[in-house]
C-alpha atoms as a PDB file:
ATOM      1  CA  MET A   1      -9.429 -10.034 -39.220  1.00  0.00           C
ATOM      2  CA  GLU A   2      -9.298 -12.221 -36.118  1.00  0.00           C
ATOM      3  CA  SER A   3      -6.285 -10.341 -34.742  1.00  0.00           C
ATOM      4  CA  GLY A   4      -8.228  -7.068 -35.008  1.00  0.00           C
ATOM      5  CA  MET A   5     -11.110  -8.562 -33.056  1.00  0.00           C
ATOM      6  CA  GLY A   6      -8.710  -9.904 -30.421  1.00  0.00           C
ATOM      7  CA  PHE A   7      -7.154  -6.465 -30.043  1.00  0.00           C
ATOM      8  CA  ARG A   8     -10.602  -4.895 -29.623  1.00  0.00           C
ATOM      9  CA  LEU A   9     -11.497  -7.476 -26.986  1.00  0.00           C
ATOM     10  CA  VAL A  10      -8.297  -6.821 -25.034  1.00  0.00           C
ATOM     11  CA  LEU A  11      -8.774  -3.060 -25.363  1.00  0.00           C
ATOM     12  CA  SER A  12     -12.405  -3.197 -24.232  1.00  0.00           C
ATOM     13  CA  ASN A  13     -11.464  -5.369 -21.236  1.00  0.00           C
ATOM     14  CA  PHE A  14      -8.673  -2.950 -20.328  1.00  0.00           C
ATOM     15  CA  ILE A  15     -11.018   0.048 -20.512  1.00  0.00           C
ATOM     16  CA  PHE A  16     -13.618  -1.835 -18.464  1.00  0.00           C
ATOM     17  CA  LEU A  17     -11.054  -2.544 -15.736  1.00  0.00           C
ATOM     18  CA  LEU A  18      -9.849   1.061 -15.697  1.00  0.00           C
ATOM     19  CA  LEU A  19     -13.390   2.330 -15.227  1.00  0.00           C
ATOM     20  CA  HIS A  20     -14.301  -0.156 -12.510  1.00  0.00           C
ATOM     21  CA  LEU A  21     -11.143  -0.297 -10.420  1.00  0.00           C
ATOM     22  CA  PRO A  22     -11.238   1.988  -7.382  1.00  0.00           C
ATOM     23  CA  HIS A  23      -9.471   5.270  -7.887  1.00  0.00           C
ATOM     24  CA  PRO A  24      -7.035   6.585  -5.233  1.00  0.00           C
ATOM     25  CA  ALA A  25      -9.184   9.679  -4.708  1.00  0.00           C
ATOM     26  CA  ILE A  26     -12.146   7.575  -3.666  1.00  0.00           C
ATOM     27  CA  THR A  27     -10.299   6.319  -0.601  1.00  0.00           C
ATOM     28  CA  PHE A  28      -9.167   9.779   0.496  1.00  0.00           C
ATOM     29  CA  ASN A  29     -11.376  10.675   3.454  1.00  0.00           C
ATOM     30  CA  LEU A  30     -12.136  14.352   3.959  1.00  0.00           C
ATOM     31  CA  ASP A  31     -14.198  15.435   6.941  1.00  0.00           C
ATOM     32  CA  THR A  32     -16.617  17.956   5.435  1.00  0.00           C
ATOM     33  CA  LYS A  33     -19.024  18.070   8.379  1.00  0.00           C
ATOM     34  CA  SER A  34     -16.565  19.334  10.991  1.00  0.00           C
ATOM     35  CA  PRO A  35     -13.412  20.673   9.322  1.00  0.00           C
ATOM     36  CA  ILE A  36     -10.433  21.835  11.362  1.00  0.00           C
ATOM     37  CA  ILE A  37      -9.258  25.199  10.029  1.00  0.00           C
ATOM     38  CA  PHE A  38      -5.894  26.636  11.113  1.00  0.00           C
ATOM     39  CA  ASP A  39      -3.945  29.674   9.993  1.00  0.00           C
ATOM     40  CA  GLY A  40      -0.171  29.680   9.924  1.00  0.00           C
ATOM     41  CA  ILE A  41       2.929  30.903   8.134  1.00  0.00           C
ATOM     42  CA  LYS A  42       2.620  31.020   4.346  1.00  0.00           C
ATOM     43  CA  ASN A  43       4.245  28.152   2.357  1.00  0.00           C
ATOM     44  CA  THR A  44       4.507  25.789   5.338  1.00  0.00           C
ATOM     45  CA  TYR A  45       2.722  22.591   6.299  1.00  0.00           C
ATOM     46  CA  PHE A  46       1.372  24.145   9.508  1.00  0.00           C
ATOM     47  CA  GLY A  47      -2.298  23.209   9.071  1.00  0.00           C
ATOM     48  CA  TYR A  48      -1.477  19.766   7.721  1.00  0.00           C
ATOM     49  CA  SER A  49       0.781  18.815  10.623  1.00  0.00           C
ATOM     50  CA  VAL A  50      -1.588  20.276  13.245  1.00  0.00           C
ATOM     51  CA  GLY A  51      -4.514  18.481  11.604  1.00  0.00           C
ATOM     52  CA  LEU A  52      -2.655  15.176  11.797  1.00  0.00           C
ATOM     53  CA  GLN A  53      -1.859  15.767  15.461  1.00  0.00           C
ATOM     54  CA  ALA A  54      -5.456  16.753  16.269  1.00  0.00           C
ATOM     55  CA  ASN A  55      -6.876  13.715  14.477  1.00  0.00           C
ATOM     56  CA  SER A  56      -4.490  11.303  16.198  1.00  0.00           C
ATOM     57  CA  ASN A  57      -5.600  12.650  19.597  1.00  0.00           C
ATOM     58  CA  ASN A  58      -9.254  12.028  18.714  1.00  0.00           C
ATOM     59  CA  ALA A  59      -8.676   8.486  17.434  1.00  0.00           C
ATOM     60  CA  ARG A  60     -10.773   5.761  18.990  1.00  0.00           C
END
């Protein structure tokens, strides 16, 4: 019975860590107050690359 309790303790600690560790999506910063919207050729990275360029010019 002690091995079952040890497994439950390890499992509960693992679940606790998964729930409390920061998720990658939390650190992704989207500017929702002043978005930059571009229109380009379909299936290209036009807006993404222009957005990166525009943000690097505004860096402080």
